[in-house]
N, C-alpha and C. Protein backbone atom coordinates (compact mmCIF):
# COMPACT_ATOMS: atom_id res chain seq x y z
N UNK A 1 116.25 112.86 138.78
CA UNK A 1 116.30 114.30 138.60
C UNK A 1 115.71 114.96 139.85
N UNK A 2 116.35 115.99 140.35
CA UNK A 2 115.92 116.73 141.52
C UNK A 2 115.16 117.98 141.09
N UNK A 3 114.03 118.24 141.74
CA UNK A 3 113.23 119.43 141.46
C UNK A 3 113.31 120.38 142.64
N UNK A 4 113.11 121.67 142.38
CA UNK A 4 113.09 122.63 143.46
C UNK A 4 111.79 122.53 144.25
N UNK A 5 110.66 122.37 143.58
CA UNK A 5 109.38 122.26 144.28
C UNK A 5 109.13 120.82 144.67
N UNK A 6 108.68 120.63 145.91
CA UNK A 6 108.35 119.30 146.40
C UNK A 6 106.86 119.01 146.20
N UNK A 7 106.01 119.95 146.59
CA UNK A 7 104.58 119.82 146.36
C UNK A 7 103.90 121.18 146.44
N UNK A 8 102.68 121.25 145.91
CA UNK A 8 101.89 122.49 145.88
C UNK A 8 100.50 122.16 146.38
N UNK A 9 99.91 123.07 147.17
CA UNK A 9 98.54 122.91 147.66
C UNK A 9 97.72 124.14 147.32
N UNK A 10 96.47 123.91 146.96
CA UNK A 10 95.56 125.02 146.69
C UNK A 10 94.29 124.84 147.51
N UNK A 11 93.59 125.94 147.76
CA UNK A 11 92.32 125.90 148.48
C UNK A 11 91.18 125.93 147.47
N UNK A 12 90.12 125.22 147.79
CA UNK A 12 88.98 125.08 146.88
C UNK A 12 87.68 125.44 147.60
N UNK A 13 86.76 126.03 146.87
CA UNK A 13 85.45 126.37 147.45
C UNK A 13 84.63 125.11 147.69
N UNK A 14 84.76 124.11 146.83
CA UNK A 14 84.01 122.86 146.95
C UNK A 14 84.99 121.71 146.73
N UNK A 15 85.48 121.12 147.81
CA UNK A 15 86.52 120.09 147.72
C UNK A 15 86.02 118.88 146.95
N UNK A 16 84.79 118.45 147.19
CA UNK A 16 84.28 117.26 146.50
C UNK A 16 84.25 117.46 144.99
N UNK A 17 83.77 118.61 144.56
CA UNK A 17 83.73 118.90 143.13
C UNK A 17 85.13 118.99 142.54
N UNK A 18 86.03 119.64 143.27
CA UNK A 18 87.42 119.75 142.79
C UNK A 18 88.10 118.39 142.75
N UNK A 19 87.84 117.55 143.77
CA UNK A 19 88.44 116.21 143.80
C UNK A 19 87.96 115.40 142.60
N UNK A 20 86.68 115.48 142.29
CA UNK A 20 86.15 114.75 141.13
C UNK A 20 86.80 115.24 139.84
N UNK A 21 86.95 116.54 139.73
CA UNK A 21 87.61 117.12 138.56
C UNK A 21 89.04 116.62 138.43
N UNK A 22 89.83 116.71 139.51
CA UNK A 22 91.23 116.29 139.46
C UNK A 22 91.39 114.79 139.30
N UNK A 23 90.45 114.02 139.87
CA UNK A 23 90.47 112.57 139.62
C UNK A 23 90.41 112.32 138.11
N UNK A 24 89.53 113.06 137.45
CA UNK A 24 89.32 112.85 136.01
C UNK A 24 90.48 113.36 135.17
N UNK A 25 90.92 114.58 135.43
CA UNK A 25 91.92 115.17 134.54
C UNK A 25 93.34 114.68 134.80
N UNK A 26 93.61 114.20 136.02
CA UNK A 26 94.96 113.73 136.30
C UNK A 26 95.16 112.26 135.92
N UNK A 27 94.07 111.50 135.85
CA UNK A 27 94.18 110.08 135.51
C UNK A 27 94.93 109.83 134.19
N UNK A 28 94.64 110.58 133.14
CA UNK A 28 95.37 110.34 131.89
C UNK A 28 96.87 110.65 131.99
N UNK A 29 97.23 111.41 132.99
CA UNK A 29 98.64 111.76 133.20
C UNK A 29 99.34 110.81 134.16
N UNK A 30 98.61 109.81 134.64
CA UNK A 30 99.16 108.86 135.59
C UNK A 30 98.97 109.27 137.04
N UNK A 31 98.25 110.38 137.27
CA UNK A 31 98.04 110.87 138.63
C UNK A 31 96.83 110.24 139.28
N UNK A 32 96.97 109.92 140.55
CA UNK A 32 95.88 109.35 141.34
C UNK A 32 95.90 109.96 142.73
N UNK A 33 94.87 109.67 143.51
CA UNK A 33 94.85 110.09 144.92
C UNK A 33 95.88 109.26 145.66
N UNK A 34 96.90 109.91 146.15
CA UNK A 34 97.95 109.21 146.89
C UNK A 34 97.67 109.22 148.39
N UNK A 35 97.00 110.28 148.88
CA UNK A 35 96.58 110.37 150.28
C UNK A 35 95.24 111.08 150.30
N UNK A 36 94.35 110.61 151.18
CA UNK A 36 93.04 111.22 151.28
C UNK A 36 92.67 111.33 152.75
N UNK A 37 92.66 112.56 153.25
CA UNK A 37 92.28 112.83 154.64
C UNK A 37 90.87 113.41 154.71
N UNK A 38 90.03 113.12 153.71
CA UNK A 38 88.67 113.64 153.70
C UNK A 38 88.60 114.99 153.00
N UNK A 39 88.79 116.05 153.76
CA UNK A 39 88.74 117.39 153.19
C UNK A 39 90.08 117.84 152.61
N UNK A 40 91.12 117.06 152.78
CA UNK A 40 92.44 117.36 152.23
C UNK A 40 92.90 116.13 151.45
N UNK A 41 93.18 116.34 150.16
CA UNK A 41 93.48 115.22 149.27
C UNK A 41 94.78 115.51 148.54
N UNK A 42 95.67 114.52 148.52
CA UNK A 42 96.95 114.64 147.82
C UNK A 42 96.99 113.74 146.60
N UNK A 43 97.37 114.31 145.48
CA UNK A 43 97.49 113.58 144.21
C UNK A 43 98.95 113.43 143.84
N UNK A 44 99.27 112.34 143.17
CA UNK A 44 100.64 112.16 142.71
C UNK A 44 100.74 111.04 141.70
N UNK A 45 101.92 110.93 141.13
CA UNK A 45 102.26 109.81 140.27
C UNK A 45 103.10 108.89 141.15
N UNK A 46 102.52 107.81 141.60
CA UNK A 46 103.18 106.96 142.57
C UNK A 46 102.67 107.28 143.96
N UNK A 47 103.37 106.79 145.00
CA UNK A 47 102.84 106.91 146.36
C UNK A 47 102.97 108.29 147.00
N UNK A 48 103.85 109.15 146.47
CA UNK A 48 104.09 110.46 147.09
C UNK A 48 103.24 111.54 146.42
N UNK A 49 102.33 112.18 147.18
CA UNK A 49 101.56 113.27 146.60
C UNK A 49 102.42 114.50 146.35
N UNK A 50 102.20 115.16 145.21
CA UNK A 50 102.90 116.41 144.96
C UNK A 50 101.94 117.56 144.63
N UNK A 51 100.66 117.26 144.58
CA UNK A 51 99.64 118.28 144.37
C UNK A 51 98.50 118.01 145.35
N UNK A 52 98.17 119.02 146.15
CA UNK A 52 97.16 118.88 147.20
C UNK A 52 96.02 119.86 146.99
N UNK A 53 94.82 119.44 147.36
CA UNK A 53 93.67 120.35 147.42
C UNK A 53 93.06 120.25 148.81
N UNK A 54 92.44 121.35 149.23
CA UNK A 54 91.78 121.39 150.52
C UNK A 54 90.74 122.48 150.54
N UNK A 55 89.98 122.58 151.62
CA UNK A 55 88.92 123.58 151.70
C UNK A 55 89.45 125.00 151.82
N UNK A 56 88.67 125.92 151.31
CA UNK A 56 88.98 127.34 151.49
C UNK A 56 88.82 127.65 152.97
N UNK A 57 89.89 128.18 153.59
CA UNK A 57 89.81 128.39 155.04
C UNK A 57 90.43 129.70 155.51
N UNK A 58 90.97 130.50 154.63
CA UNK A 58 91.61 131.73 155.07
C UNK A 58 91.15 132.91 154.23
N UNK A 59 90.95 134.04 154.89
CA UNK A 59 90.76 135.33 154.25
C UNK A 59 89.53 135.52 153.41
N UNK A 60 89.24 136.77 153.13
CA UNK A 60 88.21 137.18 152.19
C UNK A 60 88.90 137.48 150.88
N UNK A 61 88.61 136.72 149.87
CA UNK A 61 89.23 136.96 148.57
C UNK A 61 90.59 136.30 148.43
N UNK A 62 91.42 136.40 149.45
CA UNK A 62 92.75 135.78 149.41
C UNK A 62 92.63 134.32 149.82
N UNK A 63 93.25 133.46 149.07
CA UNK A 63 93.32 132.05 149.45
C UNK A 63 94.78 131.68 149.55
N UNK A 64 95.18 131.30 150.72
CA UNK A 64 96.56 130.94 150.99
C UNK A 64 97.03 129.79 150.11
N UNK A 65 98.23 129.91 149.60
CA UNK A 65 98.88 128.81 148.88
C UNK A 65 99.94 128.20 149.78
N UNK A 66 100.22 126.95 149.56
CA UNK A 66 101.29 126.25 150.28
C UNK A 66 102.31 125.80 149.25
N UNK A 67 103.53 126.24 149.42
CA UNK A 67 104.62 125.88 148.51
C UNK A 67 105.69 125.17 149.31
N UNK A 68 106.08 124.00 148.86
CA UNK A 68 107.11 123.22 149.57
C UNK A 68 108.31 123.05 148.64
N UNK A 69 109.45 123.45 149.13
CA UNK A 69 110.68 123.37 148.36
C UNK A 69 111.54 122.23 148.87
N UNK A 70 112.09 121.45 147.97
CA UNK A 70 112.92 120.31 148.33
C UNK A 70 114.25 120.76 148.90
N UNK A 71 114.62 120.18 150.03
CA UNK A 71 115.92 120.43 150.65
C UNK A 71 116.75 119.15 150.55
N UNK A 72 118.04 119.28 150.30
CA UNK A 72 118.87 118.08 150.14
C UNK A 72 119.11 117.32 151.44
N UNK A 73 119.01 118.02 152.58
CA UNK A 73 119.24 117.38 153.87
C UNK A 73 118.58 118.22 154.96
N UNK A 74 118.60 117.70 156.17
CA UNK A 74 117.95 118.40 157.29
C UNK A 74 118.66 119.70 157.65
N UNK A 75 119.95 119.74 157.45
CA UNK A 75 120.68 120.99 157.72
C UNK A 75 120.17 122.11 156.81
N UNK A 76 119.84 121.78 155.59
CA UNK A 76 119.32 122.78 154.66
C UNK A 76 117.93 123.26 155.09
N UNK A 77 117.13 122.36 155.66
CA UNK A 77 115.81 122.76 156.19
C UNK A 77 116.02 123.76 157.33
N UNK A 78 116.95 123.45 158.21
CA UNK A 78 117.22 124.37 159.33
C UNK A 78 117.77 125.71 158.82
N UNK A 79 118.62 125.67 157.79
CA UNK A 79 119.17 126.91 157.22
C UNK A 79 118.06 127.74 156.57
N UNK A 80 117.14 127.08 155.86
CA UNK A 80 115.96 127.76 155.29
C UNK A 80 115.18 128.46 156.40
N UNK A 81 114.93 127.72 157.48
CA UNK A 81 114.16 128.27 158.61
C UNK A 81 114.86 129.46 159.23
N UNK A 82 116.16 129.33 159.48
CA UNK A 82 116.92 130.43 160.07
C UNK A 82 116.92 131.66 159.18
N UNK A 83 117.06 131.47 157.89
CA UNK A 83 117.04 132.60 156.96
C UNK A 83 115.67 133.27 156.96
N UNK A 84 114.61 132.47 156.98
CA UNK A 84 113.26 133.02 156.99
C UNK A 84 113.01 133.83 158.26
N UNK A 85 113.39 133.26 159.39
CA UNK A 85 113.24 133.98 160.67
C UNK A 85 114.05 135.27 160.64
N UNK A 86 115.21 135.22 160.01
CA UNK A 86 116.06 136.40 159.90
C UNK A 86 115.41 137.53 159.12
N UNK A 87 114.50 137.20 158.23
CA UNK A 87 113.79 138.24 157.47
C UNK A 87 112.56 138.74 158.21
N UNK A 88 112.24 138.13 159.36
CA UNK A 88 111.05 138.52 160.10
C UNK A 88 109.82 137.71 159.76
N UNK A 89 109.99 136.60 159.03
CA UNK A 89 108.84 135.77 158.63
C UNK A 89 108.14 135.19 159.86
N UNK A 90 106.83 135.10 159.77
CA UNK A 90 106.04 134.43 160.81
C UNK A 90 106.36 132.94 160.78
N UNK A 91 106.60 132.37 161.95
CA UNK A 91 106.88 130.95 162.07
C UNK A 91 105.56 130.20 162.20
N UNK A 92 105.35 129.22 161.34
CA UNK A 92 104.19 128.34 161.46
C UNK A 92 104.55 127.06 162.20
N UNK A 93 105.66 126.44 161.80
CA UNK A 93 106.17 125.24 162.47
C UNK A 93 107.68 125.22 162.35
N UNK A 94 108.36 125.11 163.47
CA UNK A 94 109.81 125.00 163.46
C UNK A 94 110.22 123.67 162.83
N UNK A 95 111.49 123.53 162.44
CA UNK A 95 111.94 122.28 161.84
C UNK A 95 111.61 121.09 162.74
N UNK A 96 111.00 120.06 162.15
CA UNK A 96 110.59 118.89 162.92
C UNK A 96 110.30 117.72 161.98
N UNK A 97 110.27 116.53 162.57
CA UNK A 97 109.80 115.35 161.85
C UNK A 97 108.28 115.37 161.80
N UNK A 98 107.72 114.92 160.69
CA UNK A 98 106.27 114.82 160.51
C UNK A 98 105.96 113.37 160.12
N UNK A 99 105.97 112.44 161.10
CA UNK A 99 105.81 111.02 160.80
C UNK A 99 104.44 110.65 160.24
N UNK A 100 103.45 111.53 160.38
CA UNK A 100 102.15 111.22 159.79
C UNK A 100 102.21 111.20 158.26
N UNK A 101 103.24 111.84 157.70
CA UNK A 101 103.44 111.81 156.25
C UNK A 101 104.32 110.62 155.88
N UNK A 102 105.47 110.49 156.51
CA UNK A 102 106.30 109.29 156.46
C UNK A 102 107.43 109.46 157.47
N UNK A 103 108.11 108.37 157.78
CA UNK A 103 109.07 108.33 158.90
C UNK A 103 110.21 109.33 158.78
N UNK A 104 110.62 109.69 157.57
CA UNK A 104 111.77 110.59 157.40
C UNK A 104 111.39 112.01 156.99
N UNK A 105 110.10 112.33 156.96
CA UNK A 105 109.65 113.65 156.51
C UNK A 105 110.07 114.69 157.55
N UNK A 106 110.93 115.59 157.14
CA UNK A 106 111.46 116.63 158.04
C UNK A 106 111.22 117.97 157.36
N UNK A 107 110.43 118.83 158.00
CA UNK A 107 110.10 120.10 157.36
C UNK A 107 109.97 121.24 158.34
N UNK A 108 110.03 122.45 157.79
CA UNK A 108 109.82 123.69 158.53
C UNK A 108 108.90 124.57 157.69
N UNK A 109 108.00 125.30 158.37
CA UNK A 109 106.97 126.08 157.69
C UNK A 109 106.98 127.53 158.19
N UNK A 110 106.91 128.47 157.25
CA UNK A 110 106.85 129.90 157.56
C UNK A 110 105.87 130.57 156.61
N UNK A 111 105.54 131.82 156.91
CA UNK A 111 104.71 132.61 155.99
C UNK A 111 105.59 133.53 155.17
N UNK A 112 105.29 133.63 153.88
CA UNK A 112 105.98 134.61 153.05
C UNK A 112 105.36 135.98 153.26
N UNK A 113 105.88 137.04 152.66
CA UNK A 113 105.32 138.39 152.89
C UNK A 113 103.86 138.55 152.48
N UNK A 114 103.39 137.67 151.60
CA UNK A 114 101.98 137.74 151.17
C UNK A 114 101.06 136.88 152.01
N UNK A 115 101.60 136.12 152.95
CA UNK A 115 100.77 135.29 153.80
C UNK A 115 100.69 133.83 153.40
N UNK A 116 101.43 133.44 152.36
CA UNK A 116 101.42 132.04 151.94
C UNK A 116 102.27 131.18 152.86
N UNK A 117 101.90 129.92 152.97
CA UNK A 117 102.60 128.93 153.78
C UNK A 117 103.73 128.33 152.93
N UNK A 118 104.96 128.61 153.30
CA UNK A 118 106.12 128.15 152.53
C UNK A 118 106.92 127.19 153.39
N UNK A 119 107.31 126.08 152.80
CA UNK A 119 107.97 125.00 153.52
C UNK A 119 109.25 124.59 152.82
N UNK A 120 110.22 124.16 153.61
CA UNK A 120 111.36 123.41 153.10
C UNK A 120 111.23 122.02 153.67
N UNK A 121 111.47 121.00 152.85
CA UNK A 121 111.28 119.62 153.28
C UNK A 121 112.39 118.73 152.76
N UNK A 122 112.81 117.83 153.64
CA UNK A 122 113.80 116.80 153.31
C UNK A 122 113.14 115.44 153.55
N UNK A 123 113.32 114.50 152.63
CA UNK A 123 112.68 113.19 152.73
C UNK A 123 113.63 112.08 153.11
N UNK A 124 114.90 112.39 153.36
CA UNK A 124 115.87 111.34 153.68
C UNK A 124 116.21 111.36 155.17
N UNK A 125 116.52 110.19 155.73
CA UNK A 125 116.90 110.17 157.15
C UNK A 125 118.19 110.94 157.39
N UNK A 126 118.38 111.36 158.63
CA UNK A 126 119.58 112.11 158.98
C UNK A 126 120.80 111.21 158.99
């Protein structure tokens, strides 16, 4: 089954406390730490994280969210990016491979009108 959302990230005031909480509450659901970069932790069912936590790092009161939408192929990632640029969205990262996540991770990142980090991502090779 294909989902529209690929993964979600939230900012936390205390990452260690939040990590301990999510370790506990996600375990009964089959969720575990799939990736751990210290202050940024990804949880998932299996090897791919779909829920991320990290430190609060932006704004007073506002905490940026990161939303990643699944794209069926790399052309769709580029089309997402072009459409976003066409609306005047701030570019965070142009379409590119992100091998630190995995060899076929191809994504583009922009800001929505509220300042959130929005991504389109494809996980299959070209």
